Protein backbone atom coordinates (compact mmCIF):
# COMPACT_ATOMS: atom_id res chain seq x y z
CA MET A 1 -0.29 -0.57 0.06
CA PRO A 2 1.45 3.48 -1.03
CA ASP A 3 2.45 6.04 1.70
CA PHE A 4 -0.01 9.55 1.18
CA TRP A 5 -0.60 12.46 2.95
CA THR A 6 2.89 11.95 4.62
CA ARG A 7 2.18 15.62 6.50
CA SER A 8 -1.23 14.60 8.13
CA GLY A 9 0.09 13.33 11.56
CA PHE A 10 -1.01 10.17 10.90
CA ALA A 11 2.61 8.96 11.50
CA LEU A 12 2.04 9.88 15.22
CA VAL A 13 -0.86 7.85 16.18
CA THR A 14 -1.73 4.60 17.15
CA ARG A 15 -5.23 2.82 17.19
CA ASP A 16 -7.15 1.14 20.53
CA GLU A 17 -8.98 -2.23 19.57
CA ASN A 18 -11.64 -0.87 17.55
CA GLY A 19 -9.39 0.63 15.14
CA ARG A 20 -9.81 4.34 16.90
CA HIS A 21 -7.18 6.61 16.51
CA LEU A 22 -5.59 7.22 20.14
CA VAL A 23 -4.69 10.81 21.11
CA THR A 24 -0.40 10.65 21.61
CA ASP A 25 1.78 13.13 23.04
CA ASP A 26 3.62 13.26 19.71
CA LEU A 27 0.53 14.39 18.07
CA LEU A 28 -0.19 16.87 20.84
CA ARG A 29 3.19 17.94 20.25
CA ALA A 30 2.42 18.51 16.23
CA PHE A 31 -0.40 20.51 17.35
CA TRP A 32 2.00 23.06 19.59
CA MET A 33 4.52 23.19 16.75
CA ARG A 34 1.77 25.13 14.69
CA PRO A 35 3.53 28.76 13.67
CA GLU A 36 0.42 30.70 15.59
CA VAL A 37 1.99 29.03 18.90
CA ALA A 38 5.68 28.08 18.62
CA PRO A 39 8.16 30.25 20.01
CA ASP A 40 9.31 32.99 17.57
CA GLU A 41 13.33 33.48 17.84
CA ASP A 42 13.40 37.32 17.69
CA ASP A 43 9.57 38.01 19.33
CA SER A 44 8.66 35.90 21.92
CA CYS A 45 9.36 36.90 25.36
CA ASP A 46 10.58 34.37 28.08
CA ALA A 47 7.42 33.18 30.28
CA GLU A 48 6.39 32.40 26.65
CA ARG A 49 9.39 30.31 25.52
CA ALA A 50 9.42 28.35 29.14
CA LEU A 51 5.71 27.53 28.85
CA HIS A 52 6.39 26.62 25.59
CA THR A 53 9.17 24.44 26.87
CA LEU A 54 7.07 22.79 29.80
CA ILE A 55 4.08 21.85 27.62
CA MET A 56 6.51 19.93 24.96
CA GLU A 57 8.04 17.80 27.54
CA ASP A 58 4.51 16.88 28.74
CA PRO A 59 1.90 18.05 26.49
CA LYS A 60 -0.94 16.50 28.97
CA ARG A 61 0.27 19.12 31.62
CA SER A 62 -2.20 21.29 33.04
CA VAL A 63 -1.43 24.78 32.45
CA SER A 64 -3.02 27.58 34.94
CA LYS A 65 -4.26 30.91 33.72
CA SER A 66 -1.40 32.47 35.69
CA GLN A 67 0.96 30.79 33.27
CA ILE A 68 -1.01 32.46 29.96
CA ASP A 69 -1.44 35.38 31.83
CA GLY A 70 2.44 35.71 32.20
CA MET A 71 3.22 36.06 28.51
CA ALA A 72 3.65 39.82 26.93
CA ASP A 73 1.87 39.25 23.45
CA PRO A 74 -2.25 39.20 23.96
CA ASP A 75 -2.38 37.16 20.94
CA ILE A 76 -0.24 34.43 22.13
CA ARG A 77 -2.03 34.74 25.02
CA GLU A 78 -5.45 34.02 23.00
CA ASN A 79 -4.06 31.78 20.30
CA TYR A 80 -2.70 29.54 23.96
CA ALA A 81 -6.24 29.65 25.38
CA VAL A 82 -7.87 28.50 22.06
CA LEU A 83 -5.57 25.20 21.58
CA LEU A 84 -5.24 24.05 25.37
CA GLU A 85 -9.16 24.42 25.07
CA PHE A 86 -9.14 21.63 21.85
CA THR A 87 -6.08 19.82 23.33
CA ALA A 88 -7.96 19.03 26.57
CA ARG A 89 -10.92 18.11 24.35
CA LEU A 90 -8.85 15.68 22.94
CA ILE A 91 -7.57 14.38 26.19
CA ALA A 92 -11.00 13.61 27.54
CA ALA A 93 -12.30 12.24 24.54
CA GLY A 94 -9.35 9.89 24.19
CA THR A 95 -9.53 9.27 20.63
CA LEU A 96 -9.65 11.67 17.63
CA GLU A 97 -13.00 10.10 16.80
CA GLY A 98 -14.43 10.67 20.01
CA CYS A 99 -13.19 14.69 20.04
CA TYR A 100 -14.73 15.07 16.66
CA LEU A 101 -18.24 13.43 17.46
CA GLY A 102 -18.16 15.42 21.08
CA LEU A 103 -18.24 18.54 18.65
CA PHE A 104 -20.83 17.96 17.22
CA GLN A 105 -23.15 16.99 19.73
CA GLY A 106 -23.76 18.40 23.22
CA ASP A 107 -22.31 21.66 24.41
CA GLY A 108 -19.23 21.02 21.20
CA PRO A 109 -21.21 23.60 18.96
CA GLY A 110 -20.32 26.32 21.47
CA SER A 111 -16.54 25.51 21.48
CA ARG A 112 -13.93 27.47 19.71
CA VAL A 113 -11.94 25.43 18.15
CA PRO A 114 -10.33 26.67 14.34
CA ALA A 115 -11.47 24.84 11.58
CA LEU A 116 -7.97 24.46 10.49
CA PHE A 117 -7.73 21.46 13.97
CA LEU A 118 -11.75 20.44 13.12
CA ASP A 119 -9.96 19.49 9.51
CA GLN A 120 -6.54 18.33 10.77
CA LEU A 121 -8.95 16.03 12.47
CA VAL A 122 -10.75 14.62 9.61
CA GLU A 123 -7.43 14.36 7.73
CA VAL A 124 -5.90 11.97 10.39
CA ILE A 125 -9.20 9.86 10.70
CA VAL A 126 -9.54 9.46 6.49
CA ARG A 127 -5.98 8.85 6.24
CA GLY A 128 -6.84 5.53 8.77
CA ILE A 129 -9.97 4.76 7.19
CA LEU A 130 -8.15 4.60 3.41
CA ASP A 131 -5.05 2.85 4.96
CA ASP A 132 -5.90 -0.39 2.98
CA VAL A 133 -7.50 1.20 -0.07
CA ASN A 134 -5.36 1.20 -2.82
CA ASP A 135 -7.22 3.08 -5.03
CA PRO A 136 -5.96 6.70 -6.10
CA TYR A 137 -9.67 7.94 -6.79
CA ARG A 138 -10.57 7.67 -3.78
CA ALA A 139 -7.27 9.19 -1.55
CA ARG A 140 -8.25 12.30 -4.08
CA ALA A 141 -11.74 12.48 -3.79
CA ALA A 142 -10.88 12.02 0.71
CA GLU A 143 -9.12 15.33 0.41
CA ALA A 144 -12.54 17.25 -0.10
CA LEU A 145 -13.63 15.91 3.24
CA PHE A 146 -10.70 18.30 4.95
CA ARG A 147 -9.56 20.89 2.06
CA GLU A 148 -11.64 23.47 -0.17
CA GLN A 149 -12.16 22.70 -2.95
CA ASN A 150 -12.35 25.46 -6.19
CA ALA A 151 -15.10 23.75 -8.95
CA THR A 152 -14.81 24.69 -12.36
CA ILE A 153 -17.55 23.42 -15.59
CA GLU A 154 -15.99 23.17 -18.69
CA GLN A 155 -17.77 21.25 -21.73
CA GLY A 156 -20.50 20.02 -19.23
CA ASN A 157 -17.83 18.49 -17.07
CA ILE A 158 -17.13 18.88 -13.40
CA LEU A 159 -13.75 19.33 -12.26
CA LEU A 160 -12.59 19.95 -8.55
CA GLY A 161 -9.17 21.56 -7.99
CA ASP A 162 -7.54 21.96 -4.24
CA THR A 163 -8.21 26.15 -3.91
CA GLU A 164 -5.24 26.52 -2.24
CA THR A 165 -3.44 24.73 -5.15
CA VAL A 166 -5.58 26.31 -7.75
CA GLU A 167 -4.92 29.97 -5.92
CA MET A 168 -1.34 29.60 -5.60
CA TYR A 169 -0.74 28.63 -9.20
CA ALA A 170 -2.82 31.63 -9.97
CA THR A 171 -0.59 33.94 -8.13
CA THR A 172 2.76 32.08 -8.98
CA GLY A 173 2.16 30.11 -11.54
CA GLY A 174 3.79 27.05 -9.25
CA MET A 175 7.11 28.54 -8.96
CA GLY A 176 6.65 29.94 -5.61
CA ASN A 177 8.18 33.47 -4.04
CA LEU A 178 10.15 33.49 -7.27
CA GLY A 179 6.69 33.55 -9.80
CA GLN A 180 5.05 35.90 -7.38
CA LEU A 181 8.13 38.25 -7.80
CA ILE A 182 7.81 38.12 -11.83
CA THR A 183 4.16 38.54 -11.23
CA GLU A 184 4.80 41.80 -9.47
CA GLY A 185 6.94 42.83 -11.83
CA GLY A 186 3.90 42.83 -14.37
CA THR A 187 5.47 40.24 -16.56
CA PRO A 188 3.24 37.05 -17.13
CA LEU A 189 3.72 33.53 -16.59
CA ARG A 190 3.10 30.82 -18.45
CA LYS A 191 -0.02 29.14 -18.01
CA ILE A 192 0.25 25.95 -16.06
CA ASP A 193 -2.39 23.27 -16.19
CA LEU A 194 -2.56 21.10 -13.51
CA ASP A 195 -3.74 17.67 -13.92
CA VAL A 196 -7.12 16.11 -13.99
CA MET A 197 -6.88 12.67 -12.64
CA ILE A 198 -7.35 9.68 -15.25
CA ASP A 199 -6.97 5.81 -16.05
CA GLU A 200 -3.62 6.60 -17.13
CA ASN A 201 -2.42 8.91 -15.25
CA GLN A 202 -3.76 8.06 -11.38
CA ASP A 203 -0.56 6.23 -10.25
CA LEU A 204 0.92 9.58 -10.03
CA TYR A 205 -0.91 10.18 -7.15
CA TRP A 206 0.74 8.40 -4.59
CA ASP A 207 3.85 10.45 -5.07
CA ARG A 208 2.40 13.65 -5.13
CA SER A 209 -0.38 13.26 -2.48
CA ASP A 210 0.96 15.99 -0.76
CA ARG A 211 1.03 18.59 -3.86
CA HIS A 212 -2.85 18.71 -3.89
CA ASP A 213 -2.10 19.19 -7.49
CA MET A 214 -4.65 17.05 -9.05
CA VAL A 215 -7.45 17.46 -10.29
CA LEU A 216 -10.81 15.28 -10.00
CA ASP A 217 -13.48 14.57 -12.18
CA VAL A 218 -17.01 14.27 -10.51
CA SER A 219 -19.15 14.49 -13.11
CA PHE A 220 -22.05 11.82 -13.25
CA THR A 221 -20.92 8.70 -14.17
CA ARG A 222 -17.35 9.14 -13.96
CA PRO A 223 -15.28 7.36 -11.34
CA GLY A 224 -14.53 10.40 -9.17
CA LEU A 225 -17.73 10.80 -8.39
CA ASP A 226 -17.89 6.86 -7.64
CA ALA A 227 -14.92 7.14 -5.23
CA LEU A 228 -16.50 10.26 -3.29
CA CYS A 229 -19.65 7.68 -3.25
CA ARG A 230 -17.28 5.44 -1.32
CA VAL A 231 -15.41 7.70 0.97
CA LEU A 232 -18.51 9.15 2.34
CA GLU A 233 -20.25 5.07 2.75
CA ALA A 234 -16.43 4.68 4.75
CA TRP A 235 -16.74 7.82 6.76
CA THR A 236 -20.56 6.66 7.73
CA ALA A 237 -19.40 3.54 9.44
CA HIS A 238 -16.26 4.23 10.49
CA MET A 239 -17.63 7.17 12.70
CA LEU A 240 -20.92 5.67 13.43
CA ASN A 241 -21.24 1.92 12.81
CA VAL A 242 -23.54 2.66 10.53
CA ARG A 243 -23.73 0.96 6.98
CA VAL A 244 -25.02 3.31 4.68
CA SER A 245 -25.23 3.16 0.56
CA ILE A 246 -24.61 5.80 -1.40
CA GLN A 247 -25.29 6.38 -5.44
CA PRO A 248 -25.13 9.65 -7.20
CA VAL A 249 -28.89 10.36 -8.79
CA GLN A 250 -29.34 13.15 -12.01
CA LYS A 251 -32.63 13.95 -10.42
CA ILE A 252 -34.73 13.70 -7.16
CA THR A 253 -38.22 12.49 -8.19
CA ASP A 254 -39.83 10.96 -5.03
CA GLU A 255 -42.95 12.46 -4.46
CA LYS A 256 -42.21 10.86 -0.88
CA TRP A 257 -39.33 12.79 0.04
CA ALA A 258 -39.34 12.78 3.19
CA TRP A 259 -35.26 13.54 4.41
CA HIS A 260 -32.72 14.95 2.97
CA ILE A 261 -29.08 15.94 3.84
CA GLY A 262 -26.66 18.96 2.78
CA LEU A 263 -23.33 17.77 2.42
CA ASP A 264 -22.30 21.49 3.16
CA ALA A 265 -24.01 24.97 3.31
CA GLU A 266 -25.45 26.11 0.20
CA SER A 267 -26.37 22.22 -0.22
CA THR A 268 -28.42 21.94 2.77
CA ALA A 269 -30.28 25.27 2.03
CA LEU A 270 -30.76 24.62 -1.81
CA LEU A 271 -32.43 21.15 -0.24
CA ASN A 272 -34.59 22.96 2.18
CA ASP A 273 -36.03 25.68 -0.30
CA LEU A 274 -36.43 22.62 -2.98
CA TYR A 275 -38.12 20.64 -0.08
CA ALA A 276 -40.89 23.46 0.46
CA GLY A 277 -41.30 24.42 -3.06
CA THR A 278 -39.73 28.21 -2.62
CA GLU A 279 -39.22 29.55 -5.87
CA LEU A 280 -35.42 30.32 -6.29
CA GLU A 281 -33.73 32.46 -7.32
CA GLU A 282 -31.95 32.64 -10.88
CA GLY A 283 -28.50 31.08 -11.23
CA ARG A 284 -28.78 29.02 -7.90
CA MET A 285 -29.99 25.40 -9.34
CA GLU A 286 -26.73 25.97 -11.60
CA ARG A 287 -24.07 25.69 -8.81
CA LEU A 288 -25.69 22.52 -7.65
CA LEU A 289 -22.75 20.06 -8.56
CA SER A 290 -23.86 16.67 -7.81
CA LEU A 291 -27.53 14.87 -6.01
CA PHE A 292 -27.07 11.54 -4.16
CA ARG A 293 -29.26 8.66 -2.75
CA LEU A 294 -28.36 7.31 0.54
CA GLU A 295 -29.81 4.22 2.03
CA ILE A 296 -28.97 2.82 5.65
CA THR A 297 -28.21 -0.72 5.31
CA ASP A 298 -29.91 -1.36 8.61
CA GLN A 299 -33.67 -0.04 8.80
CA ALA A 300 -34.61 -1.29 12.20
CA SER A 301 -31.99 1.56 13.46
CA VAL A 302 -33.62 3.88 11.45
CA ILE A 303 -36.59 5.91 13.02
CA PRO A 304 -40.14 4.03 11.99
CA GLU A 305 -41.60 6.77 10.09
CA LEU A 306 -38.82 6.89 7.85
CA GLN A 307 -38.05 3.21 7.28
CA GLY A 308 -37.67 2.25 4.08
CA LYS A 309 -37.27 5.63 2.29
CA PRO A 310 -33.89 6.92 0.37
CA ILE A 311 -32.52 9.96 1.97
CA TYR A 312 -31.33 12.45 -0.18
CA MET A 313 -27.99 14.46 -0.27
CA ALA A 314 -26.28 16.91 -2.53
CA LEU A 315 -23.30 19.13 -3.06
CA THR A 316 -23.20 22.65 -3.88
CA MET A 317 -20.49 25.34 -4.54
CA THR A 318 -20.95 28.63 -3.58
CA PRO A 319 -21.29 32.17 -5.51
CA GLY A 320 -17.27 32.20 -5.70
CA LYS A 321 -17.21 28.61 -6.97
CA ARG A 322 -15.70 27.32 -3.66
CA VAL A 323 -16.66 23.77 -2.48
CA ARG A 324 -16.30 23.55 1.01
CA LEU A 325 -17.82 20.49 1.71
CA LYS A 326 -18.95 19.42 5.85
CA PRO A 327 -18.27 15.49 6.50
CA GLN A 328 -20.11 16.29 10.17
CA ASN A 329 -23.47 16.50 8.40
CA LEU A 330 -23.81 12.94 7.70
CA LEU A 331 -22.76 12.10 11.17
CA THR A 332 -25.29 14.62 12.79
CA ASN A 333 -28.20 14.86 10.56
CA LEU A 334 -29.27 10.87 9.47
CA PRO A 335 -32.70 9.60 10.93
CA MET A 336 -31.75 7.28 13.36
CA THR A 337 -33.33 6.38 16.75
CA GLY A 338 -31.12 6.70 19.89
CA SER A 339 -30.44 3.03 20.24
CA ALA A 340 -28.05 3.07 17.44
């Protein structure tokens, strides 16, 4: 099995007997080495350096408010408070899955966990889910669960490119700081096209997975869309122990449509309006990228009034052509009984 996403942090965790990813000291240390909190050689005060050293020695140690207040920079104090709150949740949960689920249940929504930390949890978890999957389409499709995508419609094809990578190429031509200097100097760069993943080049993905520079075609009937369905199935099974079947559909013709889940904020609002029969403003349906039909395998775990009925899902781009899939929506919006 090729290694991939080597910077995800997956190598820093271990698993329990249920396959859940355990919160390790090494993973916590990686969070504390982020540039937002790692001491700066020139600007960090002695109190900040001392506290950071203590945390790196024992990342599960308790930190008092007075230790944080002793640091000179108010922005650093705020960053420490936010990261300590997040790591405390991780430590209390014991597993990445437990922490992630807890953030969207009970008092979780009120937490101050930045999106970048949530994305890193998802990346590590999904990397583990795919550890025995030798399919580059699925690995590339799984990136959409924790990295924003840019959607492009070309000749009816729906193409997803990593937003950060697309923007980097747009400003630097893929040449980094040198490219930025060239463009700022007014010199046009040679147009560089990102590779669309196809059967002939799919295996190139493994060596460049950390670059996030392959485009995924998620048009209807294409392998990329099927791969996304399989990833979402595996995500639901791993996180909830609920088996589901997900298939793309071209439209919803079900007169008994009873339940739906938006895979992003735009889709949630769109499906709500379609279900209610609300008239849509011009151009809104054009932002709909994909529709899906989900069926839960164990119907006994579904609330009685929805047993035997499919669940419809949608993926939509924003007016700015961004796609921000929210994998938590699948975990919190399934019509399951309390015992499921």
